[in-house]
Structure formats: C-alpha cells, structure tokens
Amino acid sequence: MAAVKELLKAEADGTLSFGDYTLGSKTKLDGFEFQGDIYKVKTFSEITKLEKNGMFVYESVPGTAVENFKATDQVVSFKVSGEKDAQFTLELEADSEYVVYMDDVNVGDMKTNLSGKLSVSAELEAGGSVEIKVVKK
C-alpha cells in the first residue's frame, strides 16, 4: 500500500488507517471522529503524526502509511509502510515494559520512558510493509 489517500479513515474491522508519505508538503486532517474520540493527522514525506483528543499517539520520521492501527491497554498493533527505513514513536503507559514484534518475530523487550514514549526503528522498503505488535509485559 502506497498511502492512505483519505489521510485518515475508519476500517470495517474497527481499526484506523492513516498517513501518506508520498505527499511533498505537510497536509493535515483535523476533527475526525472515531469511536467517540477526535483524531488529527499530519502527514507528508518527512513525518506522519497522529493525535487522539489532543494527545500524542504515533509519530514516524520519515513519513509512513499505517494500516489497521488498534490500541488497547495491553496491545498496540498496525501495519506500517514507507519509502525507506523509519523510526516510529508510540505513546504508551509510562515506565512500563513491552515486547515488540515485527512480522511476528520478537525483536526484544523495551521500556517506556517517564513520559510513556517508546521508539522503534523499522526496516522498510518501497512497496513493502511490516506488521508491528507491541505487547505490555
């Protein structure tokens, strides 16, 4: 998948898809209502950022496309694609341990910092995607 042309959309399975790394200039969509929450996305080739009710949820550098994003108290899962390797940051529970999986392979345990941020690098290739799952220990 190259990009989410709608910038942010609700999927039939109750997940969100967002981001368009093919855009040359910053584009945003604000006020997207989904399951009682208000979402905002900013995206282009250099960055993709998602906020929920004004709070940070996801950010990638450079920009990415994210499909089937779902976050619960225990698990965050999504499929990410982009033109090249990317680093993404998630807002999770502060000072907690998580197991990170890429394409169902355990890539290690990681701990969030005091603000709850967890940063992960993913090797991405044009035309490909990586399944990400972050599970609280």
C-alpha atoms as a PDB file:
ATOM      1  CA  MET A   1       0.000   0.000   0.000  1.00  0.00           C
ATOM      2  CA  ALA A   2       1.489   3.333  -1.003  1.00  0.00           C
ATOM      3  CA  ALA A   3      -0.559   5.634   1.169  1.00  0.00           C
ATOM      4  CA  VAL A   4      -3.913   6.333   2.755  1.00  0.00           C
ATOM      5  CA  LYS A   5      -5.337   8.796   0.235  1.00  0.00           C
ATOM      6  CA  GLU A   6      -8.073   9.900   2.665  1.00  0.00           C
ATOM      7  CA  LEU A   7      -5.259  10.754   5.175  1.00  0.00           C
ATOM      8  CA  LEU A   8      -7.297   9.121   7.960  1.00  0.00           C
ATOM      9  CA  LYS A   9     -10.037   6.538   7.627  1.00  0.00           C
ATOM     10  CA  ALA A  10     -12.002   4.104   9.758  1.00  0.00           C
ATOM     11  CA  GLU A  11     -11.783   0.489   8.626  1.00  0.00           C
ATOM     12  CA  ALA A  12     -14.667  -2.014   8.746  1.00  0.00           C
ATOM     13  CA  ASP A  13     -12.789  -4.067  11.369  1.00  0.00           C
ATOM     14  CA  GLY A  14     -12.783  -1.167  13.888  1.00  0.00           C
ATOM     15  CA  THR A  15      -9.216  -0.039  13.224  1.00  0.00           C
ATOM     16  CA  LEU A  16      -7.765   3.193  11.781  1.00  0.00           C
ATOM     17  CA  SER A  17      -5.573   3.710   8.733  1.00  0.00           C
ATOM     18  CA  PHE A  18      -3.679   6.969   8.233  1.00  0.00           C
ATOM     19  CA  GLY A  19      -0.673   8.676   6.663  1.00  0.00           C
ATOM     20  CA  ASP A  20       0.554   9.479   3.167  1.00  0.00           C
ATOM     21  CA  TYR A  21       4.347   9.505   2.807  1.00  0.00           C
ATOM     22  CA  THR A  22       4.062  10.364  -0.903  1.00  0.00           C
ATOM     23  CA  LEU A  23       2.970  13.964  -0.228  1.00  0.00           C
ATOM     24  CA  GLY A  24       5.530  16.686  -0.921  1.00  0.00           C
ATOM     25  CA  SER A  25       4.122  19.173   1.586  1.00  0.00           C
ATOM     26  CA  LYS A  26       2.606  18.865   5.049  1.00  0.00           C
ATOM     27  CA  THR A  27      -1.093  18.031   4.917  1.00  0.00           C
ATOM     28  CA  LYS A  28      -3.427  17.612   7.869  1.00  0.00           C
ATOM     29  CA  LEU A  29      -6.898  16.426   8.716  1.00  0.00           C
ATOM     30  CA  ASP A  30      -8.438  17.546  11.994  1.00  0.00           C
ATOM     31  CA  GLY A  31     -11.713  16.726  13.742  1.00  0.00           C
ATOM     32  CA  PHE A  32     -12.017  13.098  12.565  1.00  0.00           C
ATOM     33  CA  GLU A  33     -14.456  11.364  14.908  1.00  0.00           C
ATOM     34  CA  PHE A  34     -13.939   7.652  15.580  1.00  0.00           C
ATOM     35  CA  GLN A  35     -15.467   5.602  18.408  1.00  0.00           C
ATOM     36  CA  GLY A  36     -16.238   8.716  20.453  1.00  0.00           C
ATOM     37  CA  ASP A  37     -12.749  10.231  20.135  1.00  0.00           C
ATOM     38  CA  ILE A  38     -11.473  13.075  17.957  1.00  0.00           C
ATOM     39  CA  TYR A  39      -8.371  12.364  15.853  1.00  0.00           C
ATOM     40  CA  LYS A  40      -5.951  14.608  13.989  1.00  0.00           C
ATOM     41  CA  VAL A  41      -3.327  13.501  11.465  1.00  0.00           C
ATOM     42  CA  LYS A  42      -0.432  15.448   9.952  1.00  0.00           C
ATOM     43  CA  THR A  43       1.489  13.712   7.211  1.00  0.00           C
ATOM     44  CA  PHE A  44       3.899  14.089   4.313  1.00  0.00           C
ATOM     45  CA  SER A  45       7.215  12.641   3.154  1.00  0.00           C
ATOM     46  CA  GLU A  46       9.157  13.798   6.241  1.00  0.00           C
ATOM     47  CA  ILE A  47       6.782  12.952   9.117  1.00  0.00           C
ATOM     48  CA  THR A  48       3.478  11.299   9.987  1.00  0.00           C
ATOM     49  CA  LYS A  49       1.814  12.159  13.287  1.00  0.00           C
ATOM     50  CA  LEU A  50      -1.475  11.021  14.862  1.00  0.00           C
ATOM     51  CA  GLU A  51      -3.170  12.635  17.857  1.00  0.00           C
ATOM     52  CA  LYS A  52      -6.246  11.466  19.781  1.00  0.00           C
ATOM     53  CA  ASN A  53      -8.226  14.069  21.748  1.00  0.00           C
ATOM     54  CA  GLY A  54      -5.235  16.425  21.530  1.00  0.00           C
ATOM     55  CA  MET A  55      -2.792  13.840  22.923  1.00  0.00           C
ATOM     56  CA  PHE A  56       0.155  12.239  21.110  1.00  0.00           C
ATOM     57  CA  VAL A  57      -0.445   8.695  19.784  1.00  0.00           C
ATOM     58  CA  TYR A  58       2.004   7.943  16.921  1.00  0.00           C
ATOM     59  CA  GLU A  59       4.800   9.672  15.053  1.00  0.00           C
ATOM     60  CA  SER A  60       7.185   8.448  12.373  1.00  0.00           C
ATOM     61  CA  VAL A  61      10.232  10.001  10.757  1.00  0.00           C
ATOM     62  CA  PRO A  62      10.236   9.962   7.784  1.00  0.00           C
ATOM     63  CA  GLY A  63       6.532   9.810   6.942  1.00  0.00           C
ATOM     64  CA  THR A  64       4.763   6.454   6.740  1.00  0.00           C
ATOM     65  CA  ALA A  65       1.396   4.939   5.935  1.00  0.00           C
ATOM     66  CA  VAL A  66      -0.221   2.999   8.774  1.00  0.00           C
ATOM     67  CA  GLU A  67      -2.959   0.442   8.254  1.00  0.00           C
ATOM     68  CA  ASN A  68      -5.234  -1.262  10.781  1.00  0.00           C
ATOM     69  CA  PHE A  69      -3.952   0.705  13.792  1.00  0.00           C
ATOM     70  CA  LYS A  70      -5.507  -0.578  17.005  1.00  0.00           C
ATOM     71  CA  ALA A  71      -4.521   0.339  20.557  1.00  0.00           C
ATOM     72  CA  THR A  72      -5.770  -1.228  23.790  1.00  0.00           C
ATOM     73  CA  ASP A  73      -4.348  -1.117  27.319  1.00  0.00           C
ATOM     74  CA  GLN A  74      -2.285  -4.230  26.573  1.00  0.00           C
ATOM     75  CA  VAL A  75      -1.528  -4.260  22.828  1.00  0.00           C
ATOM     76  CA  VAL A  76      -0.836  -1.800  20.019  1.00  0.00           C
ATOM     77  CA  SER A  77      -0.855  -3.341  16.537  1.00  0.00           C
ATOM     78  CA  PHE A  78      -0.610  -1.987  12.996  1.00  0.00           C
ATOM     79  CA  LYS A  79       0.977  -2.445   9.590  1.00  0.00           C
ATOM     80  CA  VAL A  80       3.455   0.252   8.541  1.00  0.00           C
ATOM     81  CA  SER A  81       4.859   1.028   5.098  1.00  0.00           C
ATOM     82  CA  GLY A  82       7.151   3.700   3.720  1.00  0.00           C
ATOM     83  CA  GLU A  83       9.767   4.549   1.121  1.00  0.00           C
ATOM     84  CA  LYS A  84      12.707   3.823   3.442  1.00  0.00           C
ATOM     85  CA  ASP A  85      13.619   2.823   6.985  1.00  0.00           C
ATOM     86  CA  ALA A  86      11.660   4.748   9.601  1.00  0.00           C
ATOM     87  CA  GLN A  87      11.622   5.379  13.319  1.00  0.00           C
ATOM     88  CA  PHE A  88       8.221   5.494  14.947  1.00  0.00           C
ATOM     89  CA  THR A  89       7.318   6.616  18.432  1.00  0.00           C
ATOM     90  CA  LEU A  90       4.233   5.472  20.336  1.00  0.00           C
ATOM     91  CA  GLU A  91       2.613   6.922  23.442  1.00  0.00           C
ATOM     92  CA  LEU A  92       2.137   4.063  25.911  1.00  0.00           C
ATOM     93  CA  GLU A  93       1.997   3.652  29.683  1.00  0.00           C
ATOM     94  CA  ALA A  94       4.870   5.431  31.428  1.00  0.00           C
ATOM     95  CA  ASP A  95       7.767   3.437  32.892  1.00  0.00           C
ATOM     96  CA  SER A  96       6.432   0.080  31.643  1.00  0.00           C
ATOM     97  CA  GLU A  97       7.931  -2.892  29.795  1.00  0.00           C
ATOM     98  CA  TYR A  98       6.737  -4.059  26.389  1.00  0.00           C
ATOM     99  CA  VAL A  99       7.647  -6.837  23.958  1.00  0.00           C
ATOM    100  CA  VAL A 100       7.996  -5.639  20.355  1.00  0.00           C
ATOM    101  CA  TYR A 101       7.181  -7.939  17.431  1.00  0.00           C
ATOM    102  CA  MET A 102       7.863  -7.239  13.741  1.00  0.00           C
ATOM    103  CA  ASP A 103       6.244  -9.647  11.287  1.00  0.00           C
ATOM    104  CA  ASP A 104       5.569 -11.978  14.256  1.00  0.00           C
ATOM    105  CA  VAL A 105       9.269 -12.052  15.240  1.00  0.00           C
ATOM    106  CA  ASN A 106      10.146 -10.973  18.786  1.00  0.00           C
ATOM    107  CA  VAL A 107      12.706  -8.181  18.338  1.00  0.00           C
ATOM    108  CA  GLY A 108      13.125  -7.615  22.065  1.00  0.00           C
ATOM    109  CA  ASP A 109      11.827  -6.113  25.253  1.00  0.00           C
ATOM    110  CA  MET A 110      11.700  -2.335  25.527  1.00  0.00           C
ATOM    111  CA  LYS A 111      10.852   0.006  28.352  1.00  0.00           C
ATOM    112  CA  THR A 112       8.992   3.284  28.016  1.00  0.00           C
ATOM    113  CA  ASN A 113      10.465   6.429  29.497  1.00  0.00           C
ATOM    114  CA  LEU A 114       8.799   8.512  32.201  1.00  0.00           C
ATOM    115  CA  SER A 115       6.573  10.213  29.632  1.00  0.00           C
ATOM    116  CA  GLY A 116       5.446   6.846  28.200  1.00  0.00           C
ATOM    117  CA  LYS A 117       7.164   7.137  24.845  1.00  0.00           C
ATOM    118  CA  LEU A 118       8.561   4.074  23.075  1.00  0.00           C
ATOM    119  CA  SER A 119      10.676   4.494  19.927  1.00  0.00           C
ATOM    120  CA  VAL A 120      11.305   1.673  17.461  1.00  0.00           C
ATOM    121  CA  SER A 121      13.161   1.579  14.139  1.00  0.00           C
ATOM    122  CA  ALA A 122      11.738  -0.473  11.278  1.00  0.00           C
ATOM    123  CA  GLU A 123      13.459  -1.509   8.064  1.00  0.00           C
ATOM    124  CA  LEU A 124      11.064  -0.512   5.299  1.00  0.00           C
ATOM    125  CA  GLU A 125      11.301  -0.853   1.537  1.00  0.00           C
ATOM    126  CA  ALA A 126       9.170   0.831  -1.109  1.00  0.00           C
ATOM    127  CA  GLY A 127       6.183  -1.370  -1.860  1.00  0.00           C
ATOM    128  CA  GLY A 128       6.563  -3.449   1.296  1.00  0.00           C
ATOM    129  CA  SER A 129       5.160  -3.276   4.794  1.00  0.00           C
ATOM    130  CA  VAL A 130       5.941  -4.553   8.282  1.00  0.00           C
ATOM    131  CA  GLU A 131       3.411  -5.847  10.815  1.00  0.00           C
ATOM    132  CA  ILE A 132       4.075  -4.300  14.239  1.00  0.00           C
ATOM    133  CA  LYS A 133       2.728  -5.555  17.545  1.00  0.00           C
ATOM    134  CA  VAL A 134       3.712  -4.057  20.898  1.00  0.00           C
ATOM    135  CA  VAL A 135       2.520  -6.093  23.902  1.00  0.00           C
ATOM    136  CA  LYS A 136       2.654  -4.976  27.523  1.00  0.00           C
ATOM    137  CA  LYS A 137       4.540  -7.384  29.786  1.00  0.00           C
END
